[in-house]
PDB file of all heavy atoms in Angstrom:
ATOM      1  N   GLN A   1      22.817   0.140   0.511  1.00  0.00           N
ATOM      2  CA  GLN A   1      24.024  -0.650   0.376  1.00  0.00           C
ATOM      3  C   GLN A   1      23.999  -1.645  -0.759  1.00  0.00           C
ATOM      4  O   GLN A   1      24.986  -2.262  -1.080  1.00  0.00           O
ATOM      5  CB  GLN A   1      24.289  -1.391   1.703  1.00  0.00           C
ATOM      6  CG  GLN A   1      24.606  -0.477   2.912  1.00  0.00           C
ATOM      7  CD  GLN A   1      24.865  -1.282   4.149  1.00  0.00           C
ATOM      8  OE1 GLN A   1      24.464  -2.400   4.316  1.00  0.00           O
ATOM      9  NE2 GLN A   1      25.577  -0.604   5.131  1.00  0.00           N
ATOM     10  N   TYR A   2      22.814  -1.797  -1.381  1.00  0.00           N
ATOM     11  CA  TYR A   2      22.634  -2.734  -2.521  1.00  0.00           C
ATOM     12  C   TYR A   2      22.781  -1.989  -3.809  1.00  0.00           C
ATOM     13  O   TYR A   2      22.675  -0.711  -3.906  1.00  0.00           O
ATOM     14  CB  TYR A   2      21.289  -3.393  -2.397  1.00  0.00           C
ATOM     15  CG  TYR A   2      21.172  -4.340  -1.292  1.00  0.00           C
ATOM     16  CD1 TYR A   2      20.746  -3.961  -0.014  1.00  0.00           C
ATOM     17  CD2 TYR A   2      21.501  -5.695  -1.448  1.00  0.00           C
ATOM     18  CE1 TYR A   2      20.670  -4.884   1.089  1.00  0.00           C
ATOM     19  CE2 TYR A   2      21.438  -6.603  -0.395  1.00  0.00           C
ATOM     20  CZ  TYR A   2      21.010  -6.227   0.869  1.00  0.00           C
ATOM     21  OH  TYR A   2      20.956  -7.154   1.847  1.00  0.00           O
ATOM     22  N   PRO A   3      23.059  -2.709  -4.886  1.00  0.00           N
ATOM     23  CA  PRO A   3      23.134  -2.093  -6.182  1.00  0.00           C
ATOM     24  C   PRO A   3      21.840  -1.302  -6.499  1.00  0.00           C
ATOM     25  O   PRO A   3      20.766  -1.588  -5.937  1.00  0.00           O
ATOM     26  CB  PRO A   3      23.242  -3.244  -7.152  1.00  0.00           C
ATOM     27  CG  PRO A   3      23.869  -4.335  -6.329  1.00  0.00           C
ATOM     28  CD  PRO A   3      23.336  -4.155  -4.959  1.00  0.00           C
ATOM     29  N   ASP A   4      21.927  -0.292  -7.332  1.00  0.00           N
ATOM     30  CA  ASP A   4      20.844   0.667  -7.565  1.00  0.00           C
ATOM     31  C   ASP A   4      19.553  -0.050  -7.927  1.00  0.00           C
ATOM     32  O   ASP A   4      18.437   0.288  -7.403  1.00  0.00           O
ATOM     33  CB  ASP A   4      21.170   1.558  -8.691  1.00  0.00           C
ATOM     34  CG  ASP A   4      22.207   2.628  -8.254  1.00  0.00           C
ATOM     35  OD1 ASP A   4      22.435   2.735  -7.001  1.00  0.00           O
ATOM     36  OD2 ASP A   4      22.755   3.334  -9.116  1.00  0.00           O
ATOM     37  N   SER A   5      19.600  -1.090  -8.760  1.00  0.00           N
ATOM     38  CA  SER A   5      18.404  -1.744  -9.188  1.00  0.00           C
ATOM     39  C   SER A   5      17.698  -2.474  -8.022  1.00  0.00           C
ATOM     40  O   SER A   5      16.482  -2.460  -7.843  1.00  0.00           O
ATOM     41  CB  SER A   5      18.665  -2.801 -10.251  1.00  0.00           C
ATOM     42  OG  SER A   5      19.624  -3.785  -9.808  1.00  0.00           O
ATOM     43  N   LEU A   6      18.504  -3.111  -7.148  1.00  0.00           N
ATOM     44  CA  LEU A   6      17.920  -3.748  -5.950  1.00  0.00           C
ATOM     45  C   LEU A   6      17.551  -2.791  -4.904  1.00  0.00           C
ATOM     46  O   LEU A   6      16.506  -2.911  -4.190  1.00  0.00           O
ATOM     47  CB  LEU A   6      18.893  -4.792  -5.399  1.00  0.00           C
ATOM     48  CG  LEU A   6      19.086  -6.041  -6.162  1.00  0.00           C
ATOM     49  CD1 LEU A   6      20.132  -6.966  -5.450  1.00  0.00           C
ATOM     50  CD2 LEU A   6      17.746  -6.809  -6.251  1.00  0.00           C
ATOM     51  N   CYS A   7      18.287  -1.699  -4.790  1.00  0.00           N
ATOM     52  CA  CYS A   7      17.910  -0.638  -3.865  1.00  0.00           C
ATOM     53  C   CYS A   7      16.508  -0.088  -4.111  1.00  0.00           C
ATOM     54  O   CYS A   7      15.740   0.057  -3.220  1.00  0.00           O
ATOM     55  CB  CYS A   7      18.985   0.543  -3.943  1.00  0.00           C
ATOM     56  SG  CYS A   7      18.546   1.912  -2.862  1.00  0.00           S
ATOM     57  N   ARG A   8      16.244   0.166  -5.420  1.00  0.00           N
ATOM     58  CA  ARG A   8      14.909   0.673  -5.721  1.00  0.00           C
ATOM     59  C   ARG A   8      13.850  -0.370  -5.502  1.00  0.00           C
ATOM     60  O   ARG A   8      12.751  -0.068  -5.061  1.00  0.00           O
ATOM     61  CB  ARG A   8      14.917   1.079  -7.292  1.00  0.00           C
ATOM     62  CG  ARG A   8      15.749   2.361  -7.529  1.00  0.00           C
ATOM     63  CD  ARG A   8      15.452   2.852  -8.964  1.00  0.00           C
ATOM     64  NE  ARG A   8      15.855   1.916 -10.010  1.00  0.00           N
ATOM     65  CZ  ARG A   8      17.097   1.823 -10.484  1.00  0.00           C
ATOM     66  NH1 ARG A   8      18.021   2.662 -10.131  1.00  0.00           N
ATOM     67  NH2 ARG A   8      17.345   0.934 -11.447  1.00  0.00           N
ATOM     68  N   LEU A   9      14.172  -1.609  -5.845  1.00  0.00           N
ATOM     69  CA  LEU A   9      13.216  -2.742  -5.616  1.00  0.00           C
ATOM     70  C   LEU A   9      12.886  -2.874  -4.108  1.00  0.00           C
ATOM     71  O   LEU A   9      11.681  -2.952  -3.739  1.00  0.00           O
ATOM     72  CB  LEU A   9      13.764  -4.011  -6.182  1.00  0.00           C
ATOM     73  CG  LEU A   9      12.887  -5.248  -6.157  1.00  0.00           C
ATOM     74  CD1 LEU A   9      11.848  -5.195  -7.278  1.00  0.00           C
ATOM     75  CD2 LEU A   9      13.707  -6.543  -6.233  1.00  0.00           C
ATOM     76  N   TYR A  10      13.907  -2.946  -3.319  1.00  0.00           N
ATOM     77  CA  TYR A  10      13.684  -3.179  -1.888  1.00  0.00           C
ATOM     78  C   TYR A  10      13.134  -1.983  -1.121  1.00  0.00           C
ATOM     79  O   TYR A  10      12.470  -2.093  -0.127  1.00  0.00           O
ATOM     80  CB  TYR A  10      15.045  -3.611  -1.210  1.00  0.00           C
ATOM     81  CG  TYR A  10      15.593  -4.933  -1.648  1.00  0.00           C
ATOM     82  CD1 TYR A  10      16.964  -5.278  -1.603  1.00  0.00           C
ATOM     83  CD2 TYR A  10      14.751  -5.961  -2.186  1.00  0.00           C
ATOM     84  CE1 TYR A  10      17.520  -6.436  -1.965  1.00  0.00           C
ATOM     85  CE2 TYR A  10      15.277  -7.194  -2.607  1.00  0.00           C
ATOM     86  CZ  TYR A  10      16.684  -7.385  -2.529  1.00  0.00           C
ATOM     87  OH  TYR A  10      17.171  -8.593  -2.903  1.00  0.00           O
ATOM     88  N   ASP A  11      13.464  -0.799  -1.610  1.00  0.00           N
ATOM     89  CA  ASP A  11      13.093   0.423  -0.923  1.00  0.00           C
ATOM     90  C   ASP A  11      11.656   0.729  -0.948  1.00  0.00           C
ATOM     91  O   ASP A  11      11.138   1.441  -0.097  1.00  0.00           O
ATOM     92  CB  ASP A  11      13.905   1.593  -1.517  1.00  0.00           C
ATOM     93  CG  ASP A  11      14.009   2.747  -0.528  1.00  0.00           C
ATOM     94  OD1 ASP A  11      14.670   2.610   0.522  1.00  0.00           O
ATOM     95  OD2 ASP A  11      13.423   3.852  -0.814  1.00  0.00           O
ATOM     96  N   ASP A  12      10.899   0.220  -1.946  1.00  0.00           N
ATOM     97  CA  ASP A  12       9.486   0.485  -2.051  1.00  0.00           C
ATOM     98  C   ASP A  12       8.708  -0.693  -1.618  1.00  0.00           C
ATOM     99  O   ASP A  12       8.850  -1.762  -2.209  1.00  0.00           O
ATOM    100  CB  ASP A  12       9.212   0.850  -3.572  1.00  0.00           C
ATOM    101  CG  ASP A  12       7.793   1.208  -3.812  1.00  0.00           C
ATOM    102  OD1 ASP A  12       6.935   0.995  -3.018  1.00  0.00           O
ATOM    103  OD2 ASP A  12       7.539   1.758  -4.904  1.00  0.00           O
ATOM    104  N   PRO A  13       7.823  -0.595  -0.669  1.00  0.00           N
ATOM    105  CA  PRO A  13       7.045  -1.754  -0.190  1.00  0.00           C
ATOM    106  C   PRO A  13       6.155  -2.314  -1.266  1.00  0.00           C
ATOM    107  O   PRO A  13       5.803  -3.498  -1.179  1.00  0.00           O
ATOM    108  CB  PRO A  13       6.255  -1.195   0.990  1.00  0.00           C
ATOM    109  CG  PRO A  13       6.276   0.269   0.910  1.00  0.00           C
ATOM    110  CD  PRO A  13       7.538   0.611   0.174  1.00  0.00           C
ATOM    111  N   SER A  14       5.807  -1.539  -2.268  1.00  0.00           N
ATOM    112  CA  SER A  14       4.985  -2.079  -3.317  1.00  0.00           C
ATOM    113  C   SER A  14       5.700  -2.972  -4.291  1.00  0.00           C
ATOM    114  O   SER A  14       5.101  -3.788  -4.999  1.00  0.00           O
ATOM    115  CB  SER A  14       4.314  -0.938  -4.134  1.00  0.00           C
ATOM    116  OG  SER A  14       5.231  -0.245  -4.863  1.00  0.00           O
ATOM    117  N   THR A  15       7.074  -2.911  -4.310  1.00  0.00           N
ATOM    118  CA  THR A  15       7.822  -3.763  -5.222  1.00  0.00           C
ATOM    119  C   THR A  15       8.755  -4.687  -4.441  1.00  0.00           C
ATOM    120  O   THR A  15       9.259  -5.622  -5.048  1.00  0.00           O
ATOM    121  CB  THR A  15       8.695  -2.868  -6.141  1.00  0.00           C
ATOM    122  OG1 THR A  15       9.541  -2.060  -5.343  1.00  0.00           O
ATOM    123  CG2 THR A  15       7.838  -1.984  -7.064  1.00  0.00           C
ATOM    124  N   CYS A  16       8.964  -4.502  -3.149  1.00  0.00           N
ATOM    125  CA  CYS A  16       9.824  -5.325  -2.361  1.00  0.00           C
ATOM    126  C   CYS A  16       9.238  -6.745  -2.346  1.00  0.00           C
ATOM    127  O   CYS A  16       8.054  -6.922  -2.068  1.00  0.00           O
ATOM    128  CB  CYS A  16       9.919  -4.779  -0.921  1.00  0.00           C
ATOM    129  SG  CYS A  16      10.963  -5.737   0.138  1.00  0.00           S
ATOM    130  N   PRO A  17      10.038  -7.743  -2.660  1.00  0.00           N
ATOM    131  CA  PRO A  17       9.527  -9.129  -2.536  1.00  0.00           C
ATOM    132  C   PRO A  17       8.952  -9.403  -1.165  1.00  0.00           C
ATOM    133  O   PRO A  17       9.591  -9.070  -0.138  1.00  0.00           O
ATOM    134  CB  PRO A  17      10.715  -9.996  -2.864  1.00  0.00           C
ATOM    135  CG  PRO A  17      11.723  -9.127  -3.585  1.00  0.00           C
ATOM    136  CD  PRO A  17      11.454  -7.712  -3.129  1.00  0.00           C
ATOM    137  N   GLU A  18       7.815 -10.007  -1.067  1.00  0.00           N
ATOM    138  CA  GLU A  18       7.182 -10.195   0.175  1.00  0.00           C
ATOM    139  C   GLU A  18       7.948 -11.098   1.184  1.00  0.00           C
ATOM    140  O   GLU A  18       7.774 -10.962   2.340  1.00  0.00           O
ATOM    141  CB  GLU A  18       5.762 -10.682   0.036  1.00  0.00           C
ATOM    142  CG  GLU A  18       4.869  -9.649  -0.561  1.00  0.00           C
ATOM    143  CD  GLU A  18       3.393 -10.056  -0.588  1.00  0.00           C
ATOM    144  OE1 GLU A  18       3.051 -11.251  -0.420  1.00  0.00           O
ATOM    145  OE2 GLU A  18       2.521  -9.100  -0.726  1.00  0.00           O
ATOM    146  N   GLN A  19       8.833 -11.946   0.597  1.00  0.00           N
ATOM    147  CA  GLN A  19       9.704 -12.749   1.438  1.00  0.00           C
ATOM    148  C   GLN A  19      10.646 -11.886   2.325  1.00  0.00           C
ATOM    149  O   GLN A  19      11.146 -12.377   3.334  1.00  0.00           O
ATOM    150  CB  GLN A  19      10.415 -13.775   0.667  1.00  0.00           C
ATOM    151  CG  GLN A  19      11.389 -13.207  -0.364  1.00  0.00           C
ATOM    152  CD  GLN A  19      11.878 -14.276  -1.305  1.00  0.00           C
ATOM    153  OE1 GLN A  19      11.210 -15.288  -1.505  1.00  0.00           O
ATOM    154  NE2 GLN A  19      13.051 -14.023  -1.888  1.00  0.00           N
ATOM    155  N   TYR A  20      10.883 -10.668   1.873  1.00  0.00           N
ATOM    156  CA  TYR A  20      11.804  -9.732   2.574  1.00  0.00           C
ATOM    157  C   TYR A  20      11.092  -8.520   3.083  1.00  0.00           C
ATOM    158  O   TYR A  20      11.701  -7.578   3.613  1.00  0.00           O
ATOM    159  CB  TYR A  20      12.938  -9.215   1.686  1.00  0.00           C
ATOM    160  CG  TYR A  20      13.788 -10.307   1.043  1.00  0.00           C
ATOM    161  CD1 TYR A  20      14.158 -10.195  -0.297  1.00  0.00           C
ATOM    162  CD2 TYR A  20      14.196 -11.415   1.723  1.00  0.00           C
ATOM    163  CE1 TYR A  20      14.982 -11.184  -0.898  1.00  0.00           C
ATOM    164  CE2 TYR A  20      14.986 -12.405   1.154  1.00  0.00           C
ATOM    165  CZ  TYR A  20      15.353 -12.257  -0.144  1.00  0.00           C
ATOM    166  OH  TYR A  20      16.189 -13.199  -0.786  1.00  0.00           O
ATOM    167  N   LEU A  21       9.776  -8.527   3.037  1.00  0.00           N
ATOM    168  CA  LEU A  21       8.970  -7.257   3.252  1.00  0.00           C
ATOM    169  C   LEU A  21       9.251  -6.656   4.627  1.00  0.00           C
ATOM    170  O   LEU A  21       9.574  -5.479   4.735  1.00  0.00           O
ATOM    171  CB  LEU A  21       7.493  -7.533   3.079  1.00  0.00           C
ATOM    172  CG  LEU A  21       6.597  -6.311   3.051  1.00  0.00           C
ATOM    173  CD1 LEU A  21       6.924  -5.385   1.932  1.00  0.00           C
ATOM    174  CD2 LEU A  21       5.124  -6.727   3.037  1.00  0.00           C
ATOM    175  N   LEU A  22       9.170  -7.429   5.680  1.00  0.00           N
ATOM    176  CA  LEU A  22       9.324  -6.902   7.032  1.00  0.00           C
ATOM    177  C   LEU A  22      10.787  -6.828   7.470  1.00  0.00           C
ATOM    178  O   LEU A  22      11.099  -6.254   8.511  1.00  0.00           O
ATOM    179  CB  LEU A  22       8.512  -7.772   8.026  1.00  0.00           C
ATOM    180  CG  LEU A  22       6.998  -7.768   7.758  1.00  0.00           C
ATOM    181  CD1 LEU A  22       6.255  -8.599   8.806  1.00  0.00           C
ATOM    182  CD2 LEU A  22       6.439  -6.360   7.666  1.00  0.00           C
ATOM    183  N   TRP A  23      11.662  -7.315   6.599  1.00  0.00           N
ATOM    184  CA  TRP A  23      13.069  -7.090   6.761  1.00  0.00           C
ATOM    185  C   TRP A  23      13.373  -5.630   6.455  1.00  0.00           C
ATOM    186  O   TRP A  23      14.179  -4.993   7.115  1.00  0.00           O
ATOM    187  CB  TRP A  23      13.887  -7.982   5.896  1.00  0.00           C
ATOM    188  CG  TRP A  23      15.381  -7.878   6.036  1.00  0.00           C
ATOM    189  CD1 TRP A  23      16.177  -6.851   5.564  1.00  0.00           C
ATOM    190  CD2 TRP A  23      16.271  -8.747   6.783  1.00  0.00           C
ATOM    191  NE1 TRP A  23      17.480  -7.047   5.939  1.00  0.00           N
ATOM    192  CE2 TRP A  23      17.583  -8.230   6.648  1.00  0.00           C
ATOM    193  CE3 TRP A  23      16.048  -9.943   7.429  1.00  0.00           C
ATOM    194  CZ2 TRP A  23      18.668  -8.824   7.236  1.00  0.00           C
ATOM    195  CZ3 TRP A  23      17.199 -10.548   8.043  1.00  0.00           C
ATOM    196  CH2 TRP A  23      18.504  -9.966   7.937  1.00  0.00           C
ATOM    197  N   PHE A  24      12.814  -5.120   5.384  1.00  0.00           N
ATOM    198  CA  PHE A  24      13.101  -3.790   4.901  1.00  0.00           C
ATOM    199  C   PHE A  24      12.070  -2.694   5.254  1.00  0.00           C
ATOM    200  O   PHE A  24      12.286  -1.523   5.057  1.00  0.00           O
ATOM    201  CB  PHE A  24      13.287  -3.817   3.371  1.00  0.00           C
ATOM    202  CG  PHE A  24      14.532  -4.506   2.884  1.00  0.00           C
ATOM    203  CD1 PHE A  24      14.455  -5.712   2.228  1.00  0.00           C
ATOM    204  CD2 PHE A  24      15.787  -3.912   3.115  1.00  0.00           C
ATOM    205  CE1 PHE A  24      15.634  -6.385   1.758  1.00  0.00           C
ATOM    206  CE2 PHE A  24      16.933  -4.520   2.677  1.00  0.00           C
ATOM    207  CZ  PHE A  24      16.814  -5.727   1.973  1.00  0.00           C
ATOM    208  N   HIS A  25      10.871  -3.090   5.767  1.00  0.00           N
ATOM    209  CA  HIS A  25       9.860  -2.123   5.968  1.00  0.00           C
ATOM    210  C   HIS A  25       9.080  -2.373   7.281  1.00  0.00           C
ATOM    211  O   HIS A  25       8.792  -3.479   7.647  1.00  0.00           O
ATOM    212  CB  HIS A  25       8.865  -2.185   4.801  1.00  0.00           C
ATOM    213  CG  HIS A  25       9.476  -1.788   3.507  1.00  0.00           C
ATOM    214  ND1 HIS A  25       9.684  -0.474   3.113  1.00  0.00           N
ATOM    215  CD2 HIS A  25       9.948  -2.583   2.473  1.00  0.00           C
ATOM    216  CE1 HIS A  25      10.283  -0.469   1.919  1.00  0.00           C
ATOM    217  NE2 HIS A  25      10.505  -1.726   1.530  1.00  0.00           N
ATOM    218  N   HIS A  26       8.699  -1.283   7.912  1.00  0.00           N
ATOM    219  CA  HIS A  26       7.767  -1.325   9.029  1.00  0.00           C
ATOM    220  C   HIS A  26       6.405  -0.869   8.464  1.00  0.00           C
ATOM    221  O   HIS A  26       6.295   0.257   7.952  1.00  0.00           O
ATOM    222  CB  HIS A  26       8.262  -0.340  10.094  1.00  0.00           C
ATOM    223  CG  HIS A  26       7.389  -0.364  11.401  1.00  0.00           C
ATOM    224  ND1 HIS A  26       6.155   0.242  11.474  1.00  0.00           N
ATOM    225  CD2 HIS A  26       7.585  -1.070  12.597  1.00  0.00           C
ATOM    226  CE1 HIS A  26       5.663   0.018  12.677  1.00  0.00           C
ATOM    227  NE2 HIS A  26       6.493  -0.770  13.377  1.00  0.00           N
ATOM    228  N   LEU A  27       5.447  -1.764   8.533  1.00  0.00           N
ATOM    229  CA  LEU A  27       4.158  -1.467   7.840  1.00  0.00           C
ATOM    230  C   LEU A  27       2.957  -1.655   8.786  1.00  0.00           C
ATOM    231  O   LEU A  27       3.024  -2.388   9.756  1.00  0.00           O
ATOM    232  CB  LEU A  27       4.018  -2.450   6.685  1.00  0.00           C
ATOM    233  CG  LEU A  27       5.061  -2.325   5.573  1.00  0.00           C
ATOM    234  CD1 LEU A  27       4.937  -3.452   4.623  1.00  0.00           C
ATOM    235  CD2 LEU A  27       4.848  -0.955   4.855  1.00  0.00           C
ATOM    236  N   PRO A  28       1.900  -0.898   8.576  1.00  0.00           N
ATOM    237  CA  PRO A  28       0.698  -0.990   9.405  1.00  0.00           C
ATOM    238  C   PRO A  28       0.099  -2.372   9.288  1.00  0.00           C
ATOM    239  O   PRO A  28       0.173  -3.031   8.262  1.00  0.00           O
ATOM    240  CB  PRO A  28      -0.163   0.110   8.881  1.00  0.00           C
ATOM    241  CG  PRO A  28       0.222   0.341   7.531  1.00  0.00           C
ATOM    242  CD  PRO A  28       1.751   0.077   7.439  1.00  0.00           C
TER     243      PRO A  28
END
């Protein structure tokens, strides 16, 4: 739902800002 640049940023846990990490990702 976000612009392409942010979609790519948020979609990858390695690039997602850590302040939003568990908002966008379920991680071990």
